[in-house]
Amino acid sequence: MTRKLAAVILAAGLGKRMKSEKAKVLNEINGKPMVMYIIETAKKIAGNNIVVVVGKQAEKVSETISKEYEVIYALQKEQLGTGHAVKCALPFLPEYSEQVLILCGDVPLLSYDTLKRLYEEHIRSNRDISVLAVETGNPKGYGRLILDNENNVSGIIEETDATDIQKQIKIINSGIYCVKKEFLEYSLNKISADNAQGEFYLTDIVKIGYNNNKNIGAVIGQDNEELLGINSIQDLMAI
């Protein structure tokens, strides 16, 4: 069932808030670079169909990963946003793959069970996009899920672009998705950098899908801590 599934792991950022000279994903948890945890989990569901997008300290990141895992690397030469990062990975996805899991290299606590649930619900509901979301009492800093009157996901708004009312939304985007490859390729060619950060947001594929009447749904994670990324040295120490 999962043979036609591929995974893209975003691991190109430096992570300035980590206050470390290391690439963000090389910061360690229990003596192990955090990216290794997410690769280990991804391997259980996607096998060898894993593309890791590297950028900052690309050589060091790929060298570290290759000591333990055989993966495919895609280079993001310029940091132009998450949408651009995934676009860099597209040419490296196996031709036979039909679904793509998009994962973040800085979410080391993500479990296989959660990932399996996301994939299975995505397939069962025949969705074009499934967003892994989580409800939190403190959504500050995260993209908010926008729902229409029928509870369909109509978009994801980043904190920097959100209105005061949208900032009150408690359901946030984890940055983890399962997307039909065909639609992923189509939508990534439609996104623009017309936003406060001047970046190509991966989240914009949701709005594009909604406007094209695609089947988009959210899977709400059951463990807040499992899905929140490592963004600072404080986050790292809290694990």
Protein backbone atom coordinates (compact mmCIF):
# COMPACT_ATOMS: atom_id res chain seq x y z
CA MET A 1 0.00 0.00 0.00
CA THR A 2 2.79 2.41 0.84
CA ARG A 3 5.04 1.49 -2.11
CA LYS A 4 3.56 4.41 -4.07
CA LEU A 5 4.28 6.77 -1.17
CA ALA A 6 7.32 9.05 -1.02
CA ALA A 7 8.44 11.40 1.74
CA VAL A 8 10.07 14.82 1.52
CA ILE A 9 11.89 16.02 4.63
CA LEU A 10 12.64 19.74 4.86
CA ALA A 11 16.08 20.20 6.41
CA ALA A 12 17.54 23.26 4.70
CA GLY A 13 17.24 25.94 7.40
CA LEU A 14 19.90 27.32 9.72
CA GLY A 15 17.52 28.08 12.58
CA LYS A 16 18.83 31.43 13.85
CA ARG A 17 16.78 31.20 17.05
CA MET A 18 18.72 28.08 18.03
CA LYS A 19 21.73 30.36 18.71
CA SER A 20 23.97 27.62 17.33
CA GLU A 21 26.48 27.54 14.49
CA LYS A 22 25.11 24.14 13.48
CA ALA A 23 22.43 23.70 10.85
CA LYS A 24 19.15 23.53 12.76
CA VAL A 25 18.46 19.84 12.15
CA LEU A 26 21.92 18.83 13.42
CA ASN A 27 21.21 20.04 16.95
CA GLU A 28 21.10 16.96 19.13
CA ILE A 29 18.57 15.28 21.37
CA ASN A 30 20.08 12.61 23.61
CA GLY A 31 23.29 12.78 21.57
CA LYS A 32 21.52 12.24 18.23
CA PRO A 33 20.86 14.92 15.57
CA MET A 34 17.13 15.70 15.56
CA VAL A 35 16.77 15.02 11.82
CA MET A 36 17.72 11.38 12.42
CA TYR A 37 14.57 10.83 14.46
CA ILE A 38 12.27 12.00 11.68
CA ILE A 39 14.13 9.98 9.03
CA GLU A 40 13.83 6.87 11.19
CA THR A 41 10.05 7.42 11.46
CA ALA A 42 9.67 8.22 7.75
CA LYS A 43 11.57 5.04 6.78
CA LYS A 44 8.95 2.93 8.53
CA ILE A 45 6.22 4.18 6.21
CA ALA A 46 7.99 5.30 3.01
CA GLY A 47 10.91 2.87 2.92
CA ASN A 48 13.73 4.16 0.71
CA ASN A 49 11.53 6.71 -1.05
CA ILE A 50 12.83 9.62 1.00
CA VAL A 51 14.11 12.94 -0.34
CA VAL A 52 15.84 15.24 2.16
CA VAL A 53 16.00 18.89 1.13
CA VAL A 54 19.30 20.39 2.31
CA GLY A 55 20.53 23.98 2.12
CA LYS A 56 22.45 25.55 4.96
CA GLN A 57 25.57 23.44 5.64
CA ALA A 58 24.24 20.99 3.04
CA GLU A 59 27.43 18.95 2.96
CA LYS A 60 27.56 18.53 6.72
CA VAL A 61 23.87 17.61 6.96
CA SER A 62 24.10 15.02 4.15
CA GLU A 63 27.34 13.62 5.54
CA THR A 64 25.75 13.17 8.99
CA ILE A 65 22.62 11.50 7.63
CA SER A 66 24.55 9.21 5.26
CA LYS A 67 26.39 7.63 8.17
CA GLU A 68 23.15 5.84 9.07
CA TYR A 69 20.62 6.19 6.28
CA GLU A 70 20.42 5.91 2.53
CA VAL A 71 18.28 8.79 1.28
CA ILE A 72 18.09 11.05 -1.78
CA TYR A 73 19.24 14.66 -1.40
CA ALA A 74 17.81 17.76 -3.08
CA LEU A 75 19.67 21.05 -2.75
CA GLN A 76 17.82 24.29 -2.02
CA LYS A 77 20.48 26.81 -3.00
CA GLU A 78 18.50 29.85 -1.84
CA GLN A 79 16.18 29.95 1.16
CA LEU A 80 13.03 31.09 -0.63
CA GLY A 81 10.44 29.39 1.58
CA THR A 82 8.88 26.00 2.20
CA GLY A 83 7.04 25.92 -1.13
CA HIS A 84 10.30 26.49 -2.97
CA ALA A 85 12.00 23.79 -0.85
CA VAL A 86 9.42 21.16 -1.82
CA LYS A 87 9.66 22.24 -5.46
CA CYS A 88 13.41 21.52 -5.29
CA ALA A 89 12.55 17.96 -4.21
CA LEU A 90 10.03 17.19 -6.98
CA PRO A 91 12.53 16.05 -9.64
CA PHE A 92 13.95 13.48 -7.20
CA LEU A 93 10.67 11.75 -6.30
CA PRO A 94 10.32 8.24 -7.72
CA GLU A 95 8.26 8.26 -10.93
CA TYR A 96 5.94 5.57 -9.60
CA SER A 97 5.09 7.52 -6.42
CA GLU A 98 1.52 8.82 -6.26
CA GLN A 99 1.34 10.33 -2.77
CA VAL A 100 3.87 12.56 -1.00
CA LEU A 101 4.34 12.99 2.72
CA ILE A 102 5.91 16.36 3.53
CA LEU A 103 7.73 16.38 6.85
CA CYS A 104 9.86 18.83 8.82
CA GLY A 105 13.36 17.94 9.98
CA ASP A 106 12.77 19.83 13.23
CA VAL A 107 9.79 17.78 14.50
CA PRO A 108 11.71 14.86 16.04
CA LEU A 109 8.91 13.59 18.30
CA LEU A 110 6.52 12.78 15.45
CA SER A 111 5.42 9.17 15.89
CA TYR A 112 4.90 6.45 13.32
CA ASP A 113 1.31 5.97 14.56
CA THR A 114 0.44 9.61 13.85
CA LEU A 115 2.06 9.49 10.43
CA LYS A 116 0.26 6.23 9.61
CA ARG A 117 -3.06 7.73 10.69
CA LEU A 118 -2.49 10.79 8.47
CA TYR A 119 -1.68 8.62 5.46
CA GLU A 120 -4.53 6.16 6.00
CA GLU A 121 -7.14 8.90 6.46
CA HIS A 122 -5.80 10.65 3.36
CA ILE A 123 -6.17 7.49 1.26
CA ARG A 124 -9.51 6.43 2.76
CA SER A 125 -11.05 9.86 2.10
CA ASN A 126 -9.45 10.10 -1.36
CA ARG A 127 -8.11 13.54 -0.53
CA ASP A 128 -5.89 15.74 -2.63
CA ILE A 129 -4.39 17.32 0.49
CA SER A 130 -4.44 16.23 4.13
CA VAL A 131 -3.05 18.64 6.71
CA LEU A 132 -1.81 17.38 10.05
CA ALA A 133 -3.01 19.95 12.57
CA VAL A 134 -3.11 20.35 16.33
CA GLU A 135 -5.19 22.38 18.75
CA THR A 136 -3.21 24.44 21.23
CA GLY A 137 -3.95 27.05 23.88
CA ASN A 138 -1.01 29.14 22.71
CA PRO A 139 -1.00 29.32 18.90
CA LYS A 140 1.36 32.29 18.70
CA GLY A 141 3.94 31.95 15.93
CA TYR A 142 2.12 29.22 14.04
CA GLY A 143 -0.01 29.20 10.89
CA ARG A 144 -3.74 28.97 11.61
CA LEU A 145 -6.18 26.65 9.82
CA ILE A 146 -9.04 28.54 8.15
CA LEU A 147 -12.28 26.53 7.90
CA ASP A 148 -15.32 27.32 5.78
CA ASN A 149 -18.94 27.06 6.98
CA GLU A 150 -18.90 23.30 6.36
CA ASN A 151 -15.61 22.74 8.26
CA ASN A 152 -13.58 22.17 5.10
CA VAL A 153 -10.03 23.51 5.21
CA SER A 154 -10.08 26.58 2.96
CA GLY A 155 -6.60 27.90 3.73
CA ILE A 156 -3.73 28.33 6.16
CA ILE A 157 -2.73 31.83 7.22
CA GLU A 158 0.72 32.54 8.62
CA GLU A 159 0.97 34.56 11.84
CA THR A 160 2.67 37.48 10.07
CA ASP A 161 -0.21 37.74 7.58
CA ALA A 162 -3.08 36.98 10.00
CA THR A 163 -5.72 39.48 11.13
CA ASP A 164 -6.42 39.93 14.86
CA ILE A 165 -9.50 37.70 14.54
CA GLN A 166 -7.56 34.97 12.71
CA LYS A 167 -4.90 35.05 15.44
CA GLN A 168 -7.57 33.83 17.88
CA ILE A 169 -7.86 30.51 16.02
CA LYS A 170 -6.49 27.66 18.15
CA ILE A 171 -6.10 24.99 15.45
CA ILE A 172 -2.61 25.32 14.00
CA ASN A 173 -0.69 23.82 11.13
CA SER A 174 2.04 21.36 12.11
CA GLY A 175 3.76 21.80 8.74
CA ILE A 176 3.16 18.13 7.94
CA TYR A 177 1.04 17.08 4.95
CA CYS A 178 0.09 14.23 2.68
CA VAL A 179 -0.56 15.38 -0.89
CA LYS A 180 -1.37 13.70 -4.20
CA LYS A 181 1.81 14.10 -6.23
CA GLU A 182 -0.05 15.19 -9.34
CA PHE A 183 -1.74 18.04 -7.48
CA LEU A 184 1.46 18.94 -5.62
CA GLU A 185 3.27 19.46 -8.92
CA TYR A 186 0.40 21.55 -10.28
CA SER A 187 -0.06 23.76 -7.21
CA LEU A 188 3.63 24.46 -6.59
CA ASN A 189 3.75 26.09 -10.01
CA LYS A 190 0.89 28.39 -9.00
CA ILE A 191 2.15 29.81 -5.69
CA SER A 192 3.67 33.29 -5.45
CA ALA A 193 5.81 35.18 -2.96
CA ASP A 194 3.23 37.94 -2.47
CA ASN A 195 3.23 37.97 1.35
CA ALA A 196 4.85 39.70 4.32
CA GLN A 197 7.95 37.47 4.19
CA GLY A 198 8.41 37.54 0.41
CA GLU A 199 8.62 33.74 0.42
CA PHE A 200 6.94 30.89 -1.44
CA TYR A 201 4.74 29.35 1.25
CA LEU A 202 3.89 25.67 0.93
CA THR A 203 0.68 26.49 2.82
CA ASP A 204 -0.62 28.30 -0.27
CA ILE A 205 -1.28 24.96 -1.98
CA VAL A 206 -4.26 24.59 0.38
CA LYS A 207 -5.90 27.80 -0.85
CA ILE A 208 -5.15 26.81 -4.47
CA GLY A 209 -6.72 23.41 -3.88
CA TYR A 210 -9.80 24.91 -2.22
CA ASN A 211 -10.31 27.34 -5.10
CA ASN A 212 -10.10 24.39 -7.50
CA ASN A 213 -12.67 22.35 -5.56
CA LYS A 214 -10.11 19.78 -4.46
CA ASN A 215 -10.75 17.43 -1.53
CA ILE A 216 -8.89 18.94 1.44
CA GLY A 217 -9.12 17.79 5.03
CA ALA A 218 -7.35 18.04 8.35
CA VAL A 219 -6.24 15.28 10.69
CA ILE A 220 -6.08 16.62 14.23
CA GLY A 221 -3.12 15.22 16.14
CA GLN A 222 -3.77 13.92 19.63
CA ASP A 223 -0.51 15.05 21.22
CA ASN A 224 0.48 18.73 21.12
CA GLU A 225 4.08 18.14 22.15
CA GLU A 226 4.61 15.50 19.48
CA LEU A 227 3.77 17.93 16.68
CA LEU A 228 5.31 21.20 17.76
CA GLY A 229 8.67 21.89 16.14
CA ILE A 230 11.97 22.76 17.78
CA ASN A 231 12.43 26.49 17.22
CA SER A 232 14.71 27.54 20.05
CA ILE A 233 17.27 26.23 22.51
CA GLN A 234 14.49 26.34 25.13
CA ASP A 235 12.38 23.97 23.02
CA LEU A 236 15.35 21.64 22.69
CA MET A 237 15.96 21.60 26.44
CA ALA A 238 12.25 20.96 27.16
CA ILE A 239 12.33 17.54 25.46
